Amino acid sequence: MKYILVAMAFNLQLTYADLETCNQARDILREEAPLGQAGNILCIPAGIEEDGVTKMDKMFNSFIDLVIKLDEINQKKLTTEE
């Protein structure tokens, strides 16, 4: 399972492949955290990906679909104006 590192002091949300790696990153950030903020850095489970598709992949796929639809609309407008 993947884990998300949440560090409020740095406004970070990074995903790591396993808990050990996430904890290592957490410990490094805790050393650099502003005074009193070290406790705001923790690792939580990232959740299960559906069919190996990440949220980032879904976002980019949705964006590409939007661009394609906008292009189709633009092409229809251009052909009807001529």
PDB file of N, CA and C in Angstrom:
ATOM      1  N   MET A   1       0.838  -1.178   0.000  1.00  0.00           N
ATOM      2  CA  MET A   1       0.000   0.000   0.000  1.00  0.00           C
ATOM      3  C   MET A   1       0.881   1.239   0.000  1.00  0.00           C
ATOM      4  N   LYS A   2       0.444   2.254  -0.701  1.00  0.00           N
ATOM      5  CA  LYS A   2       1.174   3.513  -0.728  1.00  0.00           C
ATOM      6  C   LYS A   2       0.761   4.364   0.462  1.00  0.00           C
ATOM      7  N   TYR A   3       1.650   5.287   0.849  1.00  0.00           N
ATOM      8  CA  TYR A   3       1.396   6.178   1.985  1.00  0.00           C
ATOM      9  C   TYR A   3       1.607   7.620   1.570  1.00  0.00           C
ATOM     10  N   ILE A   4       0.803   8.501   2.136  1.00  0.00           N
ATOM     11  CA  ILE A   4       0.921   9.933   1.872  1.00  0.00           C
ATOM     12  C   ILE A   4       1.599  10.598   3.060  1.00  0.00           C
ATOM     13  N   LEU A   5       2.602  11.415   2.773  1.00  0.00           N
ATOM     14  CA  LEU A   5       3.263  12.214   3.800  1.00  0.00           C
ATOM     15  C   LEU A   5       2.576  13.569   3.819  1.00  0.00           C
ATOM     16  N   VAL A   6       1.998  13.916   4.952  1.00  0.00           N
ATOM     17  CA  VAL A   6       1.310  15.196   5.109  1.00  0.00           C
ATOM     18  C   VAL A   6       2.141  16.062   6.040  1.00  0.00           C
ATOM     19  N   ALA A   7       2.616  17.178   5.538  1.00  0.00           N
ATOM     20  CA  ALA A   7       3.435  18.090   6.329  1.00  0.00           C
ATOM     21  C   ALA A   7       2.817  19.473   6.238  1.00  0.00           C
ATOM     22  N   MET A   8       2.031  19.830   7.234  1.00  0.00           N
ATOM     23  CA  MET A   8       1.315  21.098   7.213  1.00  0.00           C
ATOM     24  C   MET A   8       2.257  22.301   7.229  1.00  0.00           C
ATOM     25  N   ALA A   9       3.370  22.178   7.911  1.00  0.00           N
ATOM     26  CA  ALA A   9       4.296  23.306   8.019  1.00  0.00           C
ATOM     27  C   ALA A   9       4.867  23.696   6.654  1.00  0.00           C
ATOM     28  N   PHE A  10       5.015  22.713   5.768  1.00  0.00           N
ATOM     29  CA  PHE A  10       5.588  22.969   4.448  1.00  0.00           C
ATOM     30  C   PHE A  10       4.546  22.897   3.340  1.00  0.00           C
ATOM     31  N   ASN A  11       3.273  22.656   3.701  1.00  0.00           N
ATOM     32  CA  ASN A  11       2.186  22.482   2.730  1.00  0.00           C
ATOM     33  C   ASN A  11       2.532  21.377   1.735  1.00  0.00           C
ATOM     34  N   LEU A  12       3.004  20.238   2.239  1.00  0.00           N
ATOM     35  CA  LEU A  12       3.385  19.101   1.403  1.00  0.00           C
ATOM     36  C   LEU A  12       2.377  17.978   1.514  1.00  0.00           C
ATOM     37  N   GLN A  13       2.177  17.267   0.410  1.00  0.00           N
ATOM     38  CA  GLN A  13       1.432  16.013   0.403  1.00  0.00           C
ATOM     39  C   GLN A  13       2.081  15.137  -0.652  1.00  0.00           C
ATOM     40  N   LEU A  14       3.071  14.366  -0.241  1.00  0.00           N
ATOM     41  CA  LEU A  14       3.813  13.501  -1.141  1.00  0.00           C
ATOM     42  C   LEU A  14       3.401  12.053  -0.920  1.00  0.00           C
ATOM     43  N   THR A  15       3.412  11.246  -1.984  1.00  0.00           N
ATOM     44  CA  THR A  15       3.039   9.840  -1.877  1.00  0.00           C
ATOM     45  C   THR A  15       4.283   8.970  -1.979  1.00  0.00           C
ATOM     46  N   TYR A  16       4.399   8.015  -1.068  1.00  0.00           N
ATOM     47  CA  TYR A  16       5.521   7.080  -1.046  1.00  0.00           C
ATOM     48  C   TYR A  16       5.001   5.655  -1.198  1.00  0.00           C
ATOM     49  N   ALA A  17       5.838   4.779  -1.725  1.00  0.00           N
ATOM     50  CA  ALA A  17       5.441   3.405  -2.018  1.00  0.00           C
ATOM     51  C   ALA A  17       5.168   2.570  -0.774  1.00  0.00           C
ATOM     52  N   ASP A  18       5.814   2.904   0.341  1.00  0.00           N
ATOM     53  CA  ASP A  18       5.608   2.106   1.552  1.00  0.00           C
ATOM     54  C   ASP A  18       5.773   2.973   2.794  1.00  0.00           C
ATOM     55  N   LEU A  19       5.358   2.415   3.925  1.00  0.00           N
ATOM     56  CA  LEU A  19       5.374   3.164   5.184  1.00  0.00           C
ATOM     57  C   LEU A  19       6.795   3.493   5.629  1.00  0.00           C
ATOM     58  N   GLU A  20       7.732   2.582   5.440  1.00  0.00           N
ATOM     59  CA  GLU A  20       9.113   2.817   5.885  1.00  0.00           C
ATOM     60  C   GLU A  20       9.718   4.033   5.187  1.00  0.00           C
ATOM     61  N   THR A  21       9.532   4.123   3.872  1.00  0.00           N
ATOM     62  CA  THR A  21      10.064   5.262   3.121  1.00  0.00           C
ATOM     63  C   THR A  21       9.383   6.555   3.552  1.00  0.00           C
ATOM     64  N   CYS A  22       8.079   6.487   3.770  1.00  0.00           N
ATOM     65  CA  CYS A  22       7.337   7.670   4.223  1.00  0.00           C
ATOM     66  C   CYS A  22       7.848   8.131   5.585  1.00  0.00           C
ATOM     67  N   ASN A  23       8.074   7.181   6.489  1.00  0.00           N
ATOM     68  CA  ASN A  23       8.574   7.528   7.819  1.00  0.00           C
ATOM     69  C   ASN A  23       9.975   8.136   7.764  1.00  0.00           C
ATOM     70  N   GLN A  24      10.813   7.665   6.844  1.00  0.00           N
ATOM     71  CA  GLN A  24      12.147   8.241   6.689  1.00  0.00           C
ATOM     72  C   GLN A  24      12.038   9.704   6.254  1.00  0.00           C
ATOM     73  N   ALA A  25      11.179   9.956   5.274  1.00  0.00           N
ATOM     74  CA  ALA A  25      10.978  11.339   4.813  1.00  0.00           C
ATOM     75  C   ALA A  25      10.395  12.191   5.938  1.00  0.00           C
ATOM     76  N   ARG A  26       9.466  11.632   6.697  1.00  0.00           N
ATOM     77  CA  ARG A  26       8.860  12.346   7.829  1.00  0.00           C
ATOM     78  C   ARG A  26       9.922  12.764   8.832  1.00  0.00           C
ATOM     79  N   ASP A  27      10.822  11.828   9.166  1.00  0.00           N
ATOM     80  CA  ASP A  27      11.866  12.126  10.149  1.00  0.00           C
ATOM     81  C   ASP A  27      12.797  13.235   9.671  1.00  0.00           C
ATOM     82  N   ILE A  28      13.130  13.216   8.391  1.00  0.00           N
ATOM     83  CA  ILE A  28      13.989  14.269   7.827  1.00  0.00           C
ATOM     84  C   ILE A  28      13.287  15.620   7.907  1.00  0.00           C
ATOM     85  N   LEU A  29      12.007  15.644   7.542  1.00  0.00           N
ATOM     86  CA  LEU A  29      11.265  16.905   7.591  1.00  0.00           C
ATOM     87  C   LEU A  29      11.072  17.401   9.017  1.00  0.00           C
ATOM     88  N   ARG A  30      10.888  16.492   9.953  1.00  0.00           N
ATOM     89  CA  ARG A  30      10.723  16.899  11.347  1.00  0.00           C
ATOM     90  C   ARG A  30      11.956  17.626  11.864  1.00  0.00           C
ATOM     91  N   GLU A  31      13.142  17.218  11.388  1.00  0.00           N
ATOM     92  CA  GLU A  31      14.378  17.894  11.801  1.00  0.00           C
ATOM     93  C   GLU A  31      14.426  19.320  11.280  1.00  0.00           C
ATOM     94  N   GLU A  32      13.793  19.578  10.128  1.00  0.00           N
ATOM     95  CA  GLU A  32      13.835  20.892   9.491  1.00  0.00           C
ATOM     96  C   GLU A  32      12.599  21.748   9.790  1.00  0.00           C
ATOM     97  N   ALA A  33      11.632  21.183  10.466  1.00  0.00           N
ATOM     98  CA  ALA A  33      10.361  21.883  10.694  1.00  0.00           C
ATOM     99  C   ALA A  33      10.547  23.102  11.589  1.00  0.00           C
ATOM    100  N   PRO A  34       9.744  24.141  11.351  1.00  0.00           N
ATOM    101  CA  PRO A  34       9.773  25.309  12.238  1.00  0.00           C
ATOM    102  C   PRO A  34       9.427  24.906  13.668  1.00  0.00           C
ATOM    103  N   LEU A  35       9.895  25.668  14.603  1.00  0.00           N
ATOM    104  CA  LEU A  35       9.686  25.383  16.019  1.00  0.00           C
ATOM    105  C   LEU A  35       8.213  25.116  16.323  1.00  0.00           C
ATOM    106  N   GLY A  36       7.945  23.989  16.958  1.00  0.00           N
ATOM    107  CA  GLY A  36       6.584  23.628  17.346  1.00  0.00           C
ATOM    108  C   GLY A  36       5.758  22.984  16.247  1.00  0.00           C
ATOM    109  N   GLN A  37       6.311  22.822  15.052  1.00  0.00           N
ATOM    110  CA  GLN A  37       5.549  22.257  13.935  1.00  0.00           C
ATOM    111  C   GLN A  37       5.897  20.809  13.619  1.00  0.00           C
ATOM    112  N   ALA A  38       6.890  20.229  14.293  1.00  0.00           N
ATOM    113  CA  ALA A  38       7.340  18.871  13.976  1.00  0.00           C
ATOM    114  C   ALA A  38       6.223  17.846  14.152  1.00  0.00           C
ATOM    115  N   GLY A  39       5.321  18.066  15.092  1.00  0.00           N
ATOM    116  CA  GLY A  39       4.224  17.143  15.323  1.00  0.00           C
ATOM    117  C   GLY A  39       3.167  17.167  14.240  1.00  0.00           C
ATOM    118  N   ASN A  40       3.228  18.139  13.353  1.00  0.00           N
ATOM    119  CA  ASN A  40       2.256  18.259  12.270  1.00  0.00           C
ATOM    120  C   ASN A  40       2.683  17.518  11.012  1.00  0.00           C
ATOM    121  N   ILE A  41       3.671  16.657  11.112  1.00  0.00           N
ATOM    122  CA  ILE A  41       4.163  15.902   9.963  1.00  0.00           C
ATOM    123  C   ILE A  41       3.900  14.427  10.247  1.00  0.00           C
ATOM    124  N   LEU A  42       3.097  13.774   9.408  1.00  0.00           N
ATOM    125  CA  LEU A  42       2.745  12.388   9.653  1.00  0.00           C
ATOM    126  C   LEU A  42       2.514  11.640   8.352  1.00  0.00           C
ATOM    127  N   CYS A  43       2.481  10.319   8.432  1.00  0.00           N
ATOM    128  CA  CYS A  43       2.213   9.455   7.282  1.00  0.00           C
ATOM    129  C   CYS A  43       0.847   8.797   7.466  1.00  0.00           C
ATOM    130  N   ILE A  44       0.049   8.815   6.409  1.00  0.00           N
ATOM    131  CA  ILE A  44      -1.255   8.158   6.444  1.00  0.00           C
ATOM    132  C   ILE A  44      -1.385   7.280   5.201  1.00  0.00           C
ATOM    133  N   PRO A  45      -2.194   6.209   5.257  1.00  0.00           N
ATOM    134  CA  PRO A  45      -2.392   5.377   4.058  1.00  0.00           C
ATOM    135  C   PRO A  45      -2.991   6.208   2.927  1.00  0.00           C
ATOM    136  N   ALA A  46      -2.494   5.989   1.715  1.00  0.00           N
ATOM    137  CA  ALA A  46      -2.952   6.757   0.560  1.00  0.00           C
ATOM    138  C   ALA A  46      -4.260   6.219  -0.013  1.00  0.00           C
ATOM    139  N   GLY A  47      -4.632   5.015   0.345  1.00  0.00           N
ATOM    140  CA  GLY A  47      -5.827   4.416  -0.231  1.00  0.00           C
ATOM    141  C   GLY A  47      -5.454   3.536  -1.408  1.00  0.00           C
ATOM    142  N   ILE A  48      -6.419   2.813  -1.879  1.00  0.00           N
ATOM    143  CA  ILE A  48      -6.182   1.853  -2.962  1.00  0.00           C
ATOM    144  C   ILE A  48      -6.512   2.505  -4.295  1.00  0.00           C
ATOM    145  N   GLU A  49      -5.600   2.346  -5.257  1.00  0.00           N
ATOM    146  CA  GLU A  49      -5.821   2.866  -6.595  1.00  0.00           C
ATOM    147  C   GLU A  49      -6.759   1.919  -7.336  1.00  0.00           C
ATOM    148  N   GLU A  50      -7.652   2.474  -8.135  1.00  0.00           N
ATOM    149  CA  GLU A  50      -8.568   1.667  -8.916  1.00  0.00           C
ATOM    150  C   GLU A  50      -7.889   1.251 -10.211  1.00  0.00           C
ATOM    151  N   ASP A  51      -7.729  -0.045 -10.411  1.00  0.00           N
ATOM    152  CA  ASP A  51      -7.141  -0.593 -11.638  1.00  0.00           C
ATOM    153  C   ASP A  51      -5.774   0.009 -11.945  1.00  0.00           C
ATOM    154  N   GLY A  52      -5.027   0.385 -10.927  1.00  0.00           N
ATOM    155  CA  GLY A  52      -3.690   0.934 -11.125  1.00  0.00           C
ATOM    156  C   GLY A  52      -3.679   2.352 -11.664  1.00  0.00           C
ATOM    157  N   VAL A  53      -4.830   3.014 -11.703  1.00  0.00           N
ATOM    158  CA  VAL A  53      -4.921   4.375 -12.220  1.00  0.00           C
ATOM    159  C   VAL A  53      -4.899   5.343 -11.035  1.00  0.00           C
ATOM    160  N   THR A  54      -3.944   6.251 -11.051  1.00  0.00           N
ATOM    161  CA  THR A  54      -3.813   7.209  -9.962  1.00  0.00           C
ATOM    162  C   THR A  54      -4.745   8.395 -10.171  1.00  0.00           C
ATOM    163  N   LYS A  55      -4.924   9.193  -9.129  1.00  0.00           N
ATOM    164  CA  LYS A  55      -5.744  10.395  -9.248  1.00  0.00           C
ATOM    165  C   LYS A  55      -5.144  11.351 -10.265  1.00  0.00           C
ATOM    166  N   MET A  56      -3.811  11.399 -10.319  1.00  0.00           N
ATOM    167  CA  MET A  56      -3.141  12.274 -11.278  1.00  0.00           C
ATOM    168  C   MET A  56      -3.457  11.822 -12.703  1.00  0.00           C
ATOM    169  N   ASP A  57      -3.429  10.501 -12.943  1.00  0.00           N
ATOM    170  CA  ASP A  57      -3.770   9.981 -14.268  1.00  0.00           C
ATOM    171  C   ASP A  57      -5.203  10.355 -14.637  1.00  0.00           C
ATOM    172  N   LYS A  58      -6.113  10.207 -13.685  1.00  0.00           N
ATOM    173  CA  LYS A  58      -7.516  10.554 -13.941  1.00  0.00           C
ATOM    174  C   LYS A  58      -7.660  12.029 -14.278  1.00  0.00           C
ATOM    175  N   MET A  59      -6.933  12.879 -13.540  1.00  0.00           N
ATOM    176  CA  MET A  59      -7.007  14.310 -13.783  1.00  0.00           C
ATOM    177  C   MET A  59      -6.509  14.651 -15.184  1.00  0.00           C
ATOM    178  N   PHE A  60      -5.375  14.087 -15.583  1.00  0.00           N
ATOM    179  CA  PHE A  60      -4.838  14.363 -16.917  1.00  0.00           C
ATOM    180  C   PHE A  60      -5.743  13.806 -18.003  1.00  0.00           C
ATOM    181  N   ASN A  61      -6.307  12.620 -17.786  1.00  0.00           N
ATOM    182  CA  ASN A  61      -7.225  12.055 -18.772  1.00  0.00           C
ATOM    183  C   ASN A  61      -8.460  12.931 -18.931  1.00  0.00           C
ATOM    184  N   SER A  62      -8.979  13.445 -17.835  1.00  0.00           N
ATOM    185  CA  SER A  62     -10.131  14.343 -17.903  1.00  0.00           C
ATOM    186  C   SER A  62      -9.769  15.630 -18.642  1.00  0.00           C
ATOM    187  N   PHE A  63      -8.574  16.151 -18.383  1.00  0.00           N
ATOM    188  CA  PHE A  63      -8.124  17.366 -19.055  1.00  0.00           C
ATOM    189  C   PHE A  63      -7.994  17.131 -20.558  1.00  0.00           C
ATOM    190  N   ILE A  64      -7.416  16.003 -20.943  1.00  0.00           N
ATOM    191  CA  ILE A  64      -7.255  15.682 -22.371  1.00  0.00           C
ATOM    192  C   ILE A  64      -8.624  15.539 -23.032  1.00  0.00           C
ATOM    193  N   ASP A  65      -9.564  14.873 -22.345  1.00  0.00           N
ATOM    194  CA  ASP A  65     -10.920  14.744 -22.876  1.00  0.00           C
ATOM    195  C   ASP A  65     -11.558  16.112 -23.083  1.00  0.00           C
ATOM    196  N   LEU A  66     -11.346  17.015 -22.141  1.00  0.00           N
ATOM    197  CA  LEU A  66     -11.882  18.370 -22.249  1.00  0.00           C
ATOM    198  C   LEU A  66     -11.297  19.090 -23.463  1.00  0.00           C
ATOM    199  N   VAL A  67      -9.993  18.986 -23.653  1.00  0.00           N
ATOM    200  CA  VAL A  67      -9.332  19.640 -24.790  1.00  0.00           C
ATOM    201  C   VAL A  67      -9.879  19.080 -26.102  1.00  0.00           C
ATOM    202  N   ILE A  68     -10.067  17.765 -26.166  1.00  0.00           N
ATOM    203  CA  ILE A  68     -10.603  17.142 -27.384  1.00  0.00           C
ATOM    204  C   ILE A  68     -12.017  17.639 -27.659  1.00  0.00           C
ATOM    205  N   LYS A  69     -12.854  17.697 -26.623  1.00  0.00           N
ATOM    206  CA  LYS A  69     -14.231  18.176 -26.804  1.00  0.00           C
ATOM    207  C   LYS A  69     -14.259  19.638 -27.243  1.00  0.00           C
ATOM    208  N   LEU A  70     -13.403  20.464 -26.641  1.00  0.00           N
ATOM    209  CA  LEU A  70     -13.341  21.871 -27.042  1.00  0.00           C
ATOM    210  C   LEU A  70     -12.889  22.012 -28.490  1.00  0.00           C
ATOM    211  N   ASP A  71     -11.948  21.184 -28.902  1.00  0.00           N
ATOM    212  CA  ASP A  71     -11.484  21.214 -30.290  1.00  0.00           C
ATOM    213  C   ASP A  71     -12.610  20.803 -31.242  1.00  0.00           C
ATOM    214  N   GLU A  72     -13.375  19.784 -30.860  1.00  0.00           N
ATOM    215  CA  GLU A  72     -14.499  19.351 -31.694  1.00  0.00           C
ATOM    216  C   GLU A  72     -15.531  20.462 -31.833  1.00  0.00           C
ATOM    217  N   ILE A  73     -15.827  21.140 -30.738  1.00  0.00           N
ATOM    218  CA  ILE A  73     -16.780  22.256 -30.780  1.00  0.00           C
ATOM    219  C   ILE A  73     -16.253  23.361 -31.692  1.00  0.00           C
ATOM    220  N   ASN A  74     -14.975  23.658 -31.563  1.00  0.00           N
ATOM    221  CA  ASN A  74     -14.356  24.695 -32.390  1.00  0.00           C
ATOM    222  C   ASN A  74     -14.409  24.298 -33.868  1.00  0.00           C
ATOM    223  N   GLN A  75     -14.130  23.055 -34.179  1.00  0.00           N
ATOM    224  CA  GLN A  75     -14.160  22.588 -35.571  1.00  0.00           C
ATOM    225  C   GLN A  75     -15.567  22.681 -36.145  1.00  0.00           C
ATOM    226  N   LYS A  76     -16.593  22.340 -35.339  1.00  0.00           N
ATOM    227  CA  LYS A  76     -17.984  22.446 -35.797  1.00  0.00           C
ATOM    228  C   LYS A  76     -18.339  23.888 -36.100  1.00  0.00           C
ATOM    229  N   LYS A  77     -17.905  24.800 -35.250  1.00  0.00           N
ATOM    230  CA  LYS A  77     -18.182  26.220 -35.468  1.00  0.00           C
ATOM    231  C   LYS A  77     -17.507  26.712 -36.745  1.00  0.00           C
ATOM    232  N   LEU A  78     -16.264  26.270 -36.966  1.00  0.00           N
ATOM    233  CA  LEU A  78     -15.532  26.709 -38.149  1.00  0.00           C
ATOM    234  C   LEU A  78     -16.183  26.170 -39.430  1.00  0.00           C
ATOM    235  N   THR A  79     -16.666  24.959 -39.422  1.00  0.00           N
ATOM    236  CA  THR A  79     -17.255  24.372 -40.625  1.00  0.00           C
ATOM    237  C   THR A  79     -18.644  24.944 -40.896  1.00  0.00           C
ATOM    238  N   THR A  80     -19.392  25.334 -39.874  1.00  0.00           N
ATOM    239  CA  THR A  80     -20.719  25.911 -40.097  1.00  0.00           C
ATOM    240  C   THR A  80     -20.643  27.368 -40.532  1.00  0.00           C
ATOM    241  N   GLU A  81     -19.573  28.058 -40.203  1.00  0.00           N
ATOM    242  CA  GLU A  81     -19.423  29.458 -40.595  1.00  0.00           C
ATOM    243  C   GLU A  81     -19.005  29.595 -42.046  1.00  0.00           C
ATOM    244  N   GLU A  82     -18.388  28.571 -42.614  1.00  0.00           N
ATOM    245  CA  GLU A  82     -17.875  28.662 -43.992  1.00  0.00           C
ATOM    246  C   GLU A  82     -18.936  28.449 -45.012  1.00  0.00           C
TER     247      GLU A  82
END
